[in-house]
C-alpha atoms as a PDB file:
ATOM      1  CA  UNK A   1     199.363 134.590 -27.448  1.00  0.00           C
ATOM      2  CA  UNK A   2     197.010 137.529 -26.965  1.00  0.00           C
ATOM      3  CA  UNK A   3     198.032 141.042 -27.951  1.00  0.00           C
ATOM      4  CA  UNK A   4     197.740 143.505 -25.081  1.00  0.00           C
ATOM      5  CA  UNK A   5     197.640 147.250 -25.665  1.00  0.00           C
ATOM      6  CA  UNK A   6     198.066 150.003 -23.105  1.00  0.00           C
ATOM      7  CA  UNK A   7     196.125 153.216 -22.434  1.00  0.00           C
ATOM      8  CA  UNK A   8     193.282 152.570 -24.881  1.00  0.00           C
ATOM      9  CA  UNK A   9     190.437 155.154 -24.598  1.00  0.00           C
ATOM     10  CA  UNK A  10     187.261 153.426 -23.433  1.00  0.00           C
ATOM     11  CA  UNK A  11     185.097 156.173 -24.945  1.00  0.00           C
ATOM     12  CA  UNK A  12     185.618 154.460 -28.294  1.00  0.00           C
ATOM     13  CA  UNK A  13     184.212 151.198 -26.908  1.00  0.00           C
ATOM     14  CA  UNK A  14     180.993 152.406 -25.306  1.00  0.00           C
ATOM     15  CA  UNK A  15     177.806 153.825 -26.801  1.00  0.00           C
ATOM     16  CA  UNK A  16     177.850 156.756 -24.329  1.00  0.00           C
ATOM     17  CA  UNK A  17     181.106 157.880 -26.020  1.00  0.00           C
ATOM     18  CA  UNK A  18     182.511 158.709 -22.618  1.00  0.00           C
ATOM     19  CA  UNK A  19     185.441 157.370 -20.620  1.00  0.00           C
ATOM     20  CA  UNK A  20     189.157 157.553 -19.943  1.00  0.00           C
ATOM     21  CA  UNK A  21     191.783 154.969 -20.885  1.00  0.00           C
ATOM     22  CA  UNK A  22     192.060 151.326 -19.913  1.00  0.00           C
ATOM     23  CA  UNK A  23     195.451 150.558 -18.417  1.00  0.00           C
ATOM     24  CA  UNK A  24     195.554 147.336 -20.442  1.00  0.00           C
ATOM     25  CA  UNK A  25     193.253 146.291 -23.302  1.00  0.00           C
ATOM     26  CA  UNK A  26     192.940 143.139 -25.391  1.00  0.00           C
ATOM     27  CA  UNK A  27     190.465 141.498 -27.760  1.00  0.00           C
ATOM     28  CA  UNK A  28     189.636 137.824 -27.134  1.00  0.00           C
ATOM     29  CA  UNK A  29     188.281 135.704 -30.003  1.00  0.00           C
ATOM     30  CA  UNK A  30     188.414 132.236 -28.428  1.00  0.00           C
ATOM     31  CA  UNK A  31     187.835 130.658 -25.043  1.00  0.00           C
ATOM     32  CA  UNK A  32     191.564 130.013 -24.799  1.00  0.00           C
ATOM     33  CA  UNK A  33     192.344 133.695 -25.366  1.00  0.00           C
ATOM     34  CA  UNK A  34     189.788 134.710 -22.753  1.00  0.00           C
ATOM     35  CA  UNK A  35     191.379 132.313 -20.272  1.00  0.00           C
ATOM     36  CA  UNK A  36     194.829 133.695 -21.120  1.00  0.00           C
ATOM     37  CA  UNK A  37     193.625 137.261 -20.563  1.00  0.00           C
ATOM     38  CA  UNK A  38     192.193 136.378 -17.167  1.00  0.00           C
ATOM     39  CA  UNK A  39     195.430 134.636 -16.189  1.00  0.00           C
ATOM     40  CA  UNK A  40     197.432 137.670 -17.288  1.00  0.00           C
ATOM     41  CA  UNK A  41     195.368 139.997 -15.105  1.00  0.00           C
ATOM     42  CA  UNK A  42     196.028 137.692 -12.148  1.00  0.00           C
ATOM     43  CA  UNK A  43     199.766 137.732 -12.854  1.00  0.00           C
ATOM     44  CA  UNK A  44     199.763 141.529 -13.182  1.00  0.00           C
ATOM     45  CA  UNK A  45     197.634 141.736 -10.027  1.00  0.00           C
ATOM     46  CA  UNK A  46     195.191 144.135 -11.656  1.00  0.00           C
ATOM     47  CA  UNK A  47     191.376 144.059 -11.896  1.00  0.00           C
ATOM     48  CA  UNK A  48     189.876 142.214 -14.861  1.00  0.00           C
ATOM     49  CA  UNK A  49     186.802 143.314 -16.784  1.00  0.00           C
ATOM     50  CA  UNK A  50     185.074 141.643 -19.737  1.00  0.00           C
ATOM     51  CA  UNK A  51     183.568 144.166 -22.148  1.00  0.00           C
ATOM     52  CA  UNK A  52     180.769 143.361 -24.568  1.00  0.00           C
ATOM     53  CA  UNK A  53     179.278 146.044 -26.777  1.00  0.00           C
ATOM     54  CA  UNK A  54     179.571 148.775 -24.136  1.00  0.00           C
ATOM     55  CA  UNK A  55     175.894 149.614 -24.653  1.00  0.00           C
ATOM     56  CA  UNK A  56     174.919 149.516 -20.991  1.00  0.00           C
ATOM     57  CA  UNK A  57     178.054 151.075 -19.533  1.00  0.00           C
ATOM     58  CA  UNK A  58     179.282 154.392 -18.202  1.00  0.00           C
ATOM     59  CA  UNK A  59     183.075 154.436 -18.089  1.00  0.00           C
ATOM     60  CA  UNK A  60     184.782 156.696 -15.558  1.00  0.00           C
ATOM     61  CA  UNK A  61     186.553 159.821 -16.761  1.00  0.00           C
ATOM     62  CA  UNK A  62     189.717 158.512 -15.116  1.00  0.00           C
ATOM     63  CA  UNK A  63     189.468 155.255 -17.044  1.00  0.00           C
ATOM     64  CA  UNK A  64     190.096 151.774 -15.636  1.00  0.00           C
ATOM     65  CA  UNK A  65     193.233 150.678 -13.805  1.00  0.00           C
ATOM     66  CA  UNK A  66     193.175 147.086 -14.920  1.00  0.00           C
ATOM     67  CA  UNK A  67     192.835 144.808 -17.937  1.00  0.00           C
ATOM     68  CA  UNK A  68     189.795 145.101 -20.191  1.00  0.00           C
ATOM     69  CA  UNK A  69     189.093 142.070 -22.389  1.00  0.00           C
ATOM     70  CA  UNK A  70     186.867 142.918 -25.339  1.00  0.00           C
ATOM     71  CA  UNK A  71     184.707 139.853 -25.927  1.00  0.00           C
ATOM     72  CA  UNK A  72     184.745 138.790 -29.585  1.00  0.00           C
ATOM     73  CA  UNK A  73     184.014 135.047 -29.448  1.00  0.00           C
ATOM     74  CA  UNK A  74     181.772 134.351 -32.433  1.00  0.00           C
ATOM     75  CA  UNK A  75     179.929 131.450 -33.977  1.00  0.00           C
ATOM     76  CA  UNK A  76     176.335 130.265 -34.142  1.00  0.00           C
ATOM     77  CA  UNK A  77     175.382 126.610 -34.400  1.00  0.00           C
ATOM     78  CA  UNK A  78     172.034 124.884 -34.095  1.00  0.00           C
ATOM     79  CA  UNK A  79     170.980 121.355 -33.221  1.00  0.00           C
ATOM     80  CA  UNK A  80     167.273 120.943 -33.730  1.00  0.00           C
ATOM     81  CA  UNK A  81     165.618 123.836 -31.929  1.00  0.00           C
ATOM     82  CA  UNK A  82     168.608 124.553 -29.663  1.00  0.00           C
ATOM     83  CA  UNK A  83     171.041 127.261 -30.729  1.00  0.00           C
ATOM     84  CA  UNK A  84     174.473 127.878 -29.201  1.00  0.00           C
ATOM     85  CA  UNK A  85     176.039 131.275 -29.833  1.00  0.00           C
ATOM     86  CA  UNK A  86     179.337 132.940 -28.954  1.00  0.00           C
ATOM     87  CA  UNK A  87     179.299 135.660 -26.292  1.00  0.00           C
ATOM     88  CA  UNK A  88     180.862 138.179 -28.678  1.00  0.00           C
ATOM     89  CA  UNK A  89     178.141 137.918 -31.338  1.00  0.00           C
ATOM     90  CA  UNK A  90     176.112 141.101 -31.689  1.00  0.00           C
ATOM     91  CA  UNK A  91     172.762 140.409 -30.044  1.00  0.00           C
ATOM     92  CA  UNK A  92     170.553 141.785 -32.788  1.00  0.00           C
ATOM     93  CA  UNK A  93     172.563 139.970 -35.459  1.00  0.00           C
ATOM     94  CA  UNK A  94     171.797 136.791 -33.520  1.00  0.00           C
ATOM     95  CA  UNK A  95     168.079 137.613 -33.318  1.00  0.00           C
ATOM     96  CA  UNK A  96     168.013 138.280 -37.072  1.00  0.00           C
ATOM     97  CA  UNK A  97     169.820 134.973 -37.676  1.00  0.00           C
ATOM     98  CA  UNK A  98     167.263 133.013 -35.663  1.00  0.00           C
ATOM     99  CA  UNK A  99     164.336 134.457 -37.587  1.00  0.00           C
ATOM    100  CA  UNK A 100     166.079 133.900 -40.930  1.00  0.00           C
ATOM    101  CA  UNK A 101     166.572 130.251 -39.945  1.00  0.00           C
ATOM    102  CA  UNK A 102     162.938 129.883 -38.815  1.00  0.00           C
ATOM    103  CA  UNK A 103     163.804 129.539 -35.140  1.00  0.00           C
ATOM    104  CA  UNK A 104     161.480 131.697 -33.079  1.00  0.00           C
ATOM    105  CA  UNK A 105     161.242 133.084 -29.567  1.00  0.00           C
ATOM    106  CA  UNK A 106     163.588 136.083 -29.550  1.00  0.00           C
ATOM    107  CA  UNK A 107     161.804 138.482 -31.898  1.00  0.00           C
ATOM    108  CA  UNK A 108     160.486 140.714 -29.073  1.00  0.00           C
ATOM    109  CA  UNK A 109     164.113 141.358 -28.136  1.00  0.00           C
ATOM    110  CA  UNK A 110     164.979 142.774 -31.559  1.00  0.00           C
ATOM    111  CA  UNK A 111     167.031 145.948 -31.797  1.00  0.00           C
ATOM    112  CA  UNK A 112     168.684 145.723 -28.377  1.00  0.00           C
ATOM    113  CA  UNK A 113     172.323 146.848 -28.746  1.00  0.00           C
ATOM    114  CA  UNK A 114     175.287 144.972 -27.324  1.00  0.00           C
ATOM    115  CA  UNK A 115     176.536 141.412 -27.416  1.00  0.00           C
ATOM    116  CA  UNK A 116     175.054 138.045 -26.503  1.00  0.00           C
ATOM    117  CA  UNK A 117     177.279 137.843 -23.432  1.00  0.00           C
ATOM    118  CA  UNK A 118     176.110 141.216 -22.195  1.00  0.00           C
ATOM    119  CA  UNK A 119     172.488 140.279 -22.849  1.00  0.00           C
ATOM    120  CA  UNK A 120     172.871 137.144 -20.738  1.00  0.00           C
ATOM    121  CA  UNK A 121     174.674 138.870 -17.856  1.00  0.00           C
ATOM    122  CA  UNK A 122     172.034 141.610 -17.714  1.00  0.00           C
ATOM    123  CA  UNK A 123     169.075 139.365 -18.540  1.00  0.00           C
ATOM    124  CA  UNK A 124     167.958 141.996 -21.016  1.00  0.00           C
ATOM    125  CA  UNK A 125     164.286 142.327 -21.702  1.00  0.00           C
ATOM    126  CA  UNK A 126     161.851 144.318 -23.788  1.00  0.00           C
ATOM    127  CA  UNK A 127     158.221 144.249 -24.877  1.00  0.00           C
ATOM    128  CA  UNK A 128     157.169 141.530 -22.478  1.00  0.00           C
ATOM    129  CA  UNK A 129     160.074 139.097 -22.893  1.00  0.00           C
ATOM    130  CA  UNK A 130     163.481 138.484 -21.283  1.00  0.00           C
ATOM    131  CA  UNK A 131     166.588 136.500 -22.194  1.00  0.00           C
ATOM    132  CA  UNK A 132     165.871 133.989 -19.420  1.00  0.00           C
ATOM    133  CA  UNK A 133     162.607 132.971 -21.113  1.00  0.00           C
ATOM    134  CA  UNK A 134     164.491 130.897 -23.702  1.00  0.00           C
ATOM    135  CA  UNK A 135     167.988 130.416 -22.267  1.00  0.00           C
ATOM    136  CA  UNK A 136     168.977 126.817 -21.466  1.00  0.00           C
ATOM    137  CA  UNK A 137     172.598 127.026 -20.342  1.00  0.00           C
ATOM    138  CA  UNK A 138     175.728 129.175 -20.294  1.00  0.00           C
ATOM    139  CA  UNK A 139     179.306 128.071 -20.884  1.00  0.00           C
ATOM    140  CA  UNK A 140     181.789 129.885 -18.649  1.00  0.00           C
ATOM    141  CA  UNK A 141     185.449 130.026 -17.743  1.00  0.00           C
ATOM    142  CA  UNK A 142     185.880 129.279 -14.055  1.00  0.00           C
ATOM    143  CA  UNK A 143     189.544 129.664 -13.170  1.00  0.00           C
ATOM    144  CA  UNK A 144     191.479 127.201 -15.318  1.00  0.00           C
ATOM    145  CA  UNK A 145     188.478 125.138 -16.396  1.00  0.00           C
ATOM    146  CA  UNK A 146     185.341 125.415 -18.496  1.00  0.00           C
ATOM    147  CA  UNK A 147     181.935 124.517 -17.131  1.00  0.00           C
ATOM    148  CA  UNK A 148     178.243 124.761 -17.912  1.00  0.00           C
ATOM    149  CA  UNK A 149     175.676 126.600 -15.818  1.00  0.00           C
ATOM    150  CA  UNK A 150     172.001 125.793 -16.193  1.00  0.00           C
ATOM    151  CA  UNK A 151     169.446 128.571 -16.442  1.00  0.00           C
ATOM    152  CA  UNK A 152     168.481 127.951 -12.822  1.00  0.00           C
ATOM    153  CA  UNK A 153     172.108 128.280 -11.723  1.00  0.00           C
ATOM    154  CA  UNK A 154     172.272 131.651 -13.492  1.00  0.00           C
ATOM    155  CA  UNK A 155     169.695 132.950 -10.957  1.00  0.00           C
ATOM    156  CA  UNK A 156     168.050 135.350 -13.337  1.00  0.00           C
ATOM    157  CA  UNK A 157     165.972 138.239 -12.051  1.00  0.00           C
ATOM    158  CA  UNK A 158     164.766 141.559 -13.380  1.00  0.00           C
ATOM    159  CA  UNK A 159     167.824 142.902 -15.243  1.00  0.00           C
ATOM    160  CA  UNK A 160     170.034 140.757 -13.054  1.00  0.00           C
ATOM    161  CA  UNK A 161     171.767 137.398 -12.853  1.00  0.00           C
ATOM    162  CA  UNK A 162     174.319 135.449 -10.836  1.00  0.00           C
ATOM    163  CA  UNK A 163     176.983 137.018 -13.078  1.00  0.00           C
ATOM    164  CA  UNK A 164     176.389 140.385 -11.418  1.00  0.00           C
ATOM    165  CA  UNK A 165     177.215 139.031  -7.952  1.00  0.00           C
ATOM    166  CA  UNK A 166     180.708 139.010  -6.433  1.00  0.00           C
ATOM    167  CA  UNK A 167     181.125 135.266  -7.128  1.00  0.00           C
ATOM    168  CA  UNK A 168     179.544 135.516 -10.563  1.00  0.00           C
ATOM    169  CA  UNK A 169     181.939 138.250 -11.647  1.00  0.00           C
ATOM    170  CA  UNK A 170     184.782 135.759 -11.281  1.00  0.00           C
ATOM    171  CA  UNK A 171     183.364 133.809 -14.227  1.00  0.00           C
ATOM    172  CA  UNK A 172     183.695 134.679 -17.910  1.00  0.00           C
ATOM    173  CA  UNK A 173     180.692 133.962 -20.134  1.00  0.00           C
ATOM    174  CA  UNK A 174     181.873 132.544 -23.474  1.00  0.00           C
ATOM    175  CA  UNK A 175     178.740 130.934 -24.999  1.00  0.00           C
ATOM    176  CA  UNK A 176     175.035 130.616 -24.403  1.00  0.00           C
ATOM    177  CA  UNK A 177     172.472 128.070 -25.562  1.00  0.00           C
ATOM    178  CA  UNK A 178     168.838 128.927 -26.245  1.00  0.00           C
ATOM    179  CA  UNK A 179     165.789 126.708 -26.707  1.00  0.00           C
ATOM    180  CA  UNK A 180     163.785 128.175 -29.583  1.00  0.00           C
ATOM    181  CA  UNK A 181     160.805 126.924 -31.595  1.00  0.00           C
ATOM    182  CA  UNK A 182     160.125 125.983 -35.208  1.00  0.00           C
ATOM    183  CA  UNK A 183     156.457 126.667 -34.648  1.00  0.00           C
ATOM    184  CA  UNK A 184     155.890 130.415 -34.268  1.00  0.00           C
ATOM    185  CA  UNK A 185     154.688 131.421 -30.802  1.00  0.00           C
ATOM    186  CA  UNK A 186     153.865 135.084 -31.253  1.00  0.00           C
ATOM    187  CA  UNK A 187     153.930 137.399 -28.233  1.00  0.00           C
ATOM    188  CA  UNK A 188     152.039 140.536 -29.255  1.00  0.00           C
ATOM    189  CA  UNK A 189     150.304 141.265 -25.971  1.00  0.00           C
ATOM    190  CA  UNK A 190     152.663 144.007 -24.760  1.00  0.00           C
ATOM    191  CA  UNK A 191     150.757 147.346 -24.924  1.00  0.00           C
ATOM    192  CA  UNK A 192     153.138 149.111 -27.335  1.00  0.00           C
ATOM    193  CA  UNK A 193     153.269 146.114 -29.670  1.00  0.00           C
ATOM    194  CA  UNK A 194     149.509 145.572 -29.539  1.00  0.00           C
ATOM    195  CA  UNK A 195     148.922 149.270 -30.260  1.00  0.00           C
ATOM    196  CA  UNK A 196     151.302 149.120 -33.227  1.00  0.00           C
ATOM    197  CA  UNK A 197     149.335 146.335 -34.899  1.00  0.00           C
ATOM    198  CA  UNK A 198     146.050 148.091 -34.190  1.00  0.00           C
ATOM    199  CA  UNK A 199     147.374 151.252 -35.830  1.00  0.00           C
ATOM    200  CA  UNK A 200     148.619 149.270 -38.832  1.00  0.00           C
ATOM    201  CA  UNK A 201     145.244 147.430 -39.040  1.00  0.00           C
ATOM    202  CA  UNK A 202     146.964 144.055 -38.680  1.00  0.00           C
ATOM    203  CA  UNK A 203     144.834 141.450 -36.937  1.00  0.00           C
ATOM    204  CA  UNK A 204     146.707 139.850 -34.026  1.00  0.00           C
ATOM    205  CA  UNK A 205     145.624 136.411 -35.246  1.00  0.00           C
ATOM    206  CA  UNK A 206     147.629 136.966 -38.445  1.00  0.00           C
ATOM    207  CA  UNK A 207     150.794 138.313 -36.812  1.00  0.00           C
ATOM    208  CA  UNK A 208     154.028 136.411 -37.531  1.00  0.00           C
ATOM    209  CA  UNK A 209     157.445 136.612 -35.795  1.00  0.00           C
ATOM    210  CA  UNK A 210     158.625 138.708 -38.747  1.00  0.00           C
ATOM    211  CA  UNK A 211     155.778 141.153 -38.044  1.00  0.00           C
ATOM    212  CA  UNK A 212     156.814 141.325 -34.390  1.00  0.00           C
ATOM    213  CA  UNK A 213     160.449 142.070 -35.263  1.00  0.00           C
ATOM    214  CA  UNK A 214     159.404 144.827 -37.659  1.00  0.00           C
ATOM    215  CA  UNK A 215     157.072 146.314 -35.052  1.00  0.00           C
ATOM    216  CA  UNK A 216     159.671 146.248 -32.286  1.00  0.00           C
ATOM    217  CA  UNK A 217     162.355 147.805 -34.482  1.00  0.00           C
ATOM    218  CA  UNK A 218     160.022 150.617 -35.532  1.00  0.00           C
ATOM    219  CA  UNK A 219     158.817 151.257 -31.978  1.00  0.00           C
ATOM    220  CA  UNK A 220     162.385 151.413 -30.688  1.00  0.00           C
ATOM    221  CA  UNK A 221     163.436 153.762 -33.487  1.00  0.00           C
ATOM    222  CA  UNK A 222     160.729 156.242 -32.512  1.00  0.00           C
ATOM    223  CA  UNK A 223     161.375 156.091 -28.760  1.00  0.00           C
ATOM    224  CA  UNK A 224     165.162 155.901 -28.611  1.00  0.00           C
ATOM    225  CA  UNK A 225     167.926 158.157 -29.959  1.00  0.00           C
ATOM    226  CA  UNK A 226     170.052 157.219 -32.946  1.00  0.00           C
ATOM    227  CA  UNK A 227     173.393 155.863 -31.721  1.00  0.00           C
ATOM    228  CA  UNK A 228     175.039 157.258 -34.839  1.00  0.00           C
ATOM    229  CA  UNK A 229     174.095 160.788 -33.810  1.00  0.00           C
ATOM    230  CA  UNK A 230     174.432 160.975 -30.018  1.00  0.00           C
ATOM    231  CA  UNK A 231     175.897 158.998 -27.162  1.00  0.00           C
ATOM    232  CA  UNK A 232     173.571 157.038 -24.898  1.00  0.00           C
ATOM    233  CA  UNK A 233     173.259 153.792 -22.966  1.00  0.00           C
ATOM    234  CA  UNK A 234     169.489 153.571 -23.428  1.00  0.00           C
ATOM    235  CA  UNK A 235     167.284 153.256 -20.363  1.00  0.00           C
ATOM    236  CA  UNK A 236     169.337 154.580 -17.466  1.00  0.00           C
ATOM    237  CA  UNK A 237     167.157 153.297 -14.610  1.00  0.00           C
ATOM    238  CA  UNK A 238     165.300 150.074 -13.926  1.00  0.00           C
ATOM    239  CA  UNK A 239     161.540 150.132 -13.571  1.00  0.00           C
ATOM    240  CA  UNK A 240     160.954 150.213  -9.791  1.00  0.00           C
ATOM    241  CA  UNK A 241     158.981 147.442  -8.115  1.00  0.00           C
ATOM    242  CA  UNK A 242     156.912 148.611  -5.156  1.00  0.00           C
ATOM    243  CA  UNK A 243     154.406 147.091  -2.757  1.00  0.00           C
ATOM    244  CA  UNK A 244     150.747 147.077  -3.763  1.00  0.00           C
ATOM    245  CA  UNK A 245     149.793 149.236  -0.768  1.00  0.00           C
ATOM    246  CA  UNK A 246     152.356 151.859  -1.773  1.00  0.00           C
ATOM    247  CA  UNK A 247     151.101 151.685  -5.335  1.00  0.00           C
ATOM    248  CA  UNK A 248     147.484 152.229  -4.291  1.00  0.00           C
ATOM    249  CA  UNK A 249     148.500 155.225  -2.200  1.00  0.00           C
ATOM    250  CA  UNK A 250     150.395 156.788  -5.100  1.00  0.00           C
ATOM    251  CA  UNK A 251     147.532 155.943  -7.466  1.00  0.00           C
ATOM    252  CA  UNK A 252     145.297 158.295  -5.485  1.00  0.00           C
ATOM    253  CA  UNK A 253     147.831 161.063  -5.987  1.00  0.00           C
ATOM    254  CA  UNK A 254     148.582 160.183  -9.616  1.00  0.00           C
ATOM    255  CA  UNK A 255     145.420 158.498 -11.030  1.00  0.00           C
ATOM    256  CA  UNK A 256     146.974 157.818 -14.443  1.00  0.00           C
ATOM    257  CA  UNK A 257     150.051 156.050 -13.070  1.00  0.00           C
ATOM    258  CA  UNK A 258     150.396 152.625 -14.741  1.00  0.00           C
ATOM    259  CA  UNK A 259     151.422 149.533 -12.801  1.00  0.00           C
ATOM    260  CA  UNK A 260     151.878 145.860 -13.607  1.00  0.00           C
ATOM    261  CA  UNK A 261     151.713 142.964 -11.146  1.00  0.00           C
ATOM    262  CA  UNK A 262     154.873 140.860 -10.971  1.00  0.00           C
ATOM    263  CA  UNK A 263     154.432 137.221 -12.065  1.00  0.00           C
ATOM    264  CA  UNK A 264     155.492 135.903  -8.649  1.00  0.00           C
ATOM    265  CA  UNK A 265     153.158 138.080  -6.584  1.00  0.00           C
ATOM    266  CA  UNK A 266     150.230 140.422  -7.112  1.00  0.00           C
ATOM    267  CA  UNK A 267     151.520 142.292  -4.045  1.00  0.00           C
ATOM    268  CA  UNK A 268     154.538 143.524  -6.027  1.00  0.00           C
ATOM    269  CA  UNK A 269     153.858 146.149  -8.680  1.00  0.00           C
ATOM    270  CA  UNK A 270     156.274 147.280 -11.393  1.00  0.00           C
ATOM    271  CA  UNK A 271     155.926 150.963 -12.280  1.00  0.00           C
ATOM    272  CA  UNK A 272     157.433 152.416 -15.497  1.00  0.00           C
ATOM    273  CA  UNK A 273     160.330 154.654 -14.492  1.00  0.00           C
ATOM    274  CA  UNK A 274     159.956 156.593 -17.740  1.00  0.00           C
ATOM    275  CA  UNK A 275     156.373 157.531 -16.821  1.00  0.00           C
ATOM    276  CA  UNK A 276     157.463 158.806 -13.400  1.00  0.00           C
ATOM    277  CA  UNK A 277     160.303 160.869 -14.860  1.00  0.00           C
ATOM    278  CA  UNK A 278     158.055 162.288 -17.576  1.00  0.00           C
ATOM    279  CA  UNK A 279     154.566 162.703 -16.136  1.00  0.00           C
ATOM    280  CA  UNK A 280     155.436 163.293 -12.482  1.00  0.00           C
ATOM    281  CA  UNK A 281     158.822 165.028 -12.684  1.00  0.00           C
ATOM    282  CA  UNK A 282     158.508 166.708 -16.095  1.00  0.00           C
ATOM    283  CA  UNK A 283     162.004 165.656 -17.142  1.00  0.00           C
ATOM    284  CA  UNK A 284     161.438 164.545 -20.742  1.00  0.00           C
ATOM    285  CA  UNK A 285     163.649 166.639 -22.995  1.00  0.00           C
ATOM    286  CA  UNK A 286     165.373 168.278 -20.008  1.00  0.00           C
ATOM    287  CA  UNK A 287     168.965 169.339 -20.578  1.00  0.00           C
ATOM    288  CA  UNK A 288     171.873 170.141 -18.276  1.00  0.00           C
ATOM    289  CA  UNK A 289     174.698 171.362 -20.500  1.00  0.00           C
ATOM    290  CA  UNK A 290     176.004 168.534 -22.674  1.00  0.00           C
ATOM    291  CA  UNK A 291     173.752 165.964 -20.971  1.00  0.00           C
ATOM    292  CA  UNK A 292     169.989 165.624 -21.090  1.00  0.00           C
ATOM    293  CA  UNK A 293     167.041 163.303 -21.419  1.00  0.00           C
ATOM    294  CA  UNK A 294     165.826 162.201 -24.819  1.00  0.00           C
ATOM    295  CA  UNK A 295     163.004 164.236 -26.351  1.00  0.00           C
ATOM    296  CA  UNK A 296     160.879 161.093 -26.752  1.00  0.00           C
ATOM    297  CA  UNK A 297     161.794 159.183 -23.576  1.00  0.00           C
ATOM    298  CA  UNK A 298     162.650 160.665 -20.170  1.00  0.00           C
ATOM    299  CA  UNK A 299     164.264 157.403 -19.065  1.00  0.00           C
ATOM    300  CA  UNK A 300     167.065 157.783 -21.592  1.00  0.00           C
ATOM    301  CA  UNK A 301     170.061 159.997 -20.804  1.00  0.00           C
ATOM    302  CA  UNK A 302     171.936 161.412 -23.773  1.00  0.00           C
ATOM    303  CA  UNK A 303     175.452 162.742 -24.311  1.00  0.00           C
ATOM    304  CA  UNK A 304     174.912 165.524 -26.834  1.00  0.00           C
ATOM    305  CA  UNK A 305     178.661 165.903 -27.273  1.00  0.00           C
ATOM    306  CA  UNK A 306     181.576 166.533 -24.963  1.00  0.00           C
ATOM    307  CA  UNK A 307     179.932 165.284 -21.773  1.00  0.00           C
ATOM    308  CA  UNK A 308     181.987 163.668 -19.020  1.00  0.00           C
ATOM    309  CA  UNK A 309     180.983 160.710 -16.880  1.00  0.00           C
ATOM    310  CA  UNK A 310     180.663 163.102 -13.952  1.00  0.00           C
ATOM    311  CA  UNK A 311     178.086 165.118 -15.935  1.00  0.00           C
ATOM    312  CA  UNK A 312     175.993 162.010 -16.582  1.00  0.00           C
ATOM    313  CA  UNK A 313     176.232 160.920 -12.961  1.00  0.00           C
ATOM    314  CA  UNK A 314     175.132 164.381 -11.785  1.00  0.00           C
ATOM    315  CA  UNK A 315     172.149 164.391 -14.148  1.00  0.00           C
ATOM    316  CA  UNK A 316     171.141 160.889 -13.031  1.00  0.00           C
ATOM    317  CA  UNK A 317     171.377 161.970  -9.393  1.00  0.00           C
ATOM    318  CA  UNK A 318     169.060 164.925 -10.093  1.00  0.00           C
ATOM    319  CA  UNK A 319     166.547 162.639 -11.778  1.00  0.00           C
ATOM    320  CA  UNK A 320     166.590 160.118  -8.948  1.00  0.00           C
ATOM    321  CA  UNK A 321     166.270 162.874  -6.350  1.00  0.00           C
ATOM    322  CA  UNK A 322     163.303 164.433  -8.155  1.00  0.00           C
ATOM    323  CA  UNK A 323     161.535 161.067  -8.325  1.00  0.00           C
ATOM    324  CA  UNK A 324     162.164 160.322  -4.655  1.00  0.00           C
ATOM    325  CA  UNK A 325     160.955 163.766  -3.601  1.00  0.00           C
ATOM    326  CA  UNK A 326     157.723 163.465  -5.607  1.00  0.00           C
ATOM    327  CA  UNK A 327     156.856 159.819  -4.970  1.00  0.00           C
ATOM    328  CA  UNK A 328     159.155 158.359  -2.310  1.00  0.00           C
ATOM    329  CA  UNK A 329     160.364 155.810  -4.879  1.00  0.00           C
ATOM    330  CA  UNK A 330     164.093 155.148  -5.112  1.00  0.00           C
ATOM    331  CA  UNK A 331     165.279 154.579  -8.659  1.00  0.00           C
ATOM    332  CA  UNK A 332     168.009 152.010  -9.258  1.00  0.00           C
ATOM    333  CA  UNK A 333     170.487 152.335 -12.130  1.00  0.00           C
ATOM    334  CA  UNK A 334     170.285 149.891 -14.994  1.00  0.00           C
ATOM    335  CA  UNK A 335     173.471 151.272 -16.539  1.00  0.00           C
ATOM    336  CA  UNK A 336     176.657 149.824 -15.048  1.00  0.00           C
ATOM    337  CA  UNK A 337     179.502 152.062 -13.842  1.00  0.00           C
ATOM    338  CA  UNK A 338     183.155 151.121 -14.423  1.00  0.00           C
END
């Protein structure tokens, strides 16, 4: 039987280091325990929330009136080039494991905090790759039964999936299976990664997955704050996707503004939110009391100590308002509120 605690501070379970208490809190290490926790929340008639690493969350100052289940289902097993991993495994530990076992395809996603389950739900991505590029299927709890969802059924999009919809939130992700490769397929075409190898005088033709992991970890370390020193949830906003006509209009006003065509349509352009916040709004290194943007990346909000969720929300609102006023672009949060 699971052990349920009461009034556990959520600030200790999120990288922002912010948040009031959970009414009920438990740690689930097996599918059976996860199912038991969900059943308990139904019996108590309280909301149920599955927590991964808390690296993309902002918990309310008032806490959460419900049951929080901390996902801790572990285990990694491989059959050929397919790898199945528990939702509670730390994502970067999993990436390191794949490379150590000569299974490639996830190295561009090195260094991303959080758990495998959280990575799947949010379809995390970085340096030109996303979780959905290699994911085959997801094992979930659906009521009293277990079932498998294919990658197509997960309905992945940019930082989104079926699991973020009302129906998807009723499911509990417990495992995920990835199709990787024994033969290295290096993806070094992302601008930051390509520039890193040029600076290090490493010919792209000689780059290995180990090189890519090293590059990504070093790039992230320079652009993002140290989680041991300050609280943060990383990139606070998604990169906005705008129409090509809107992009061309803004390009005349801001000639240096970068933009990247979406794979499904050249008429949809993704614009880096960090560039807008930095170059257009001048918000890099801006501070409002205990909250501010990182000195190296305007897209990252930081809790310098003692900040409340309300302080972060107010700072984010200022940033979004400044962007909208200058460009007409509406920024959408990447960080989830609870």
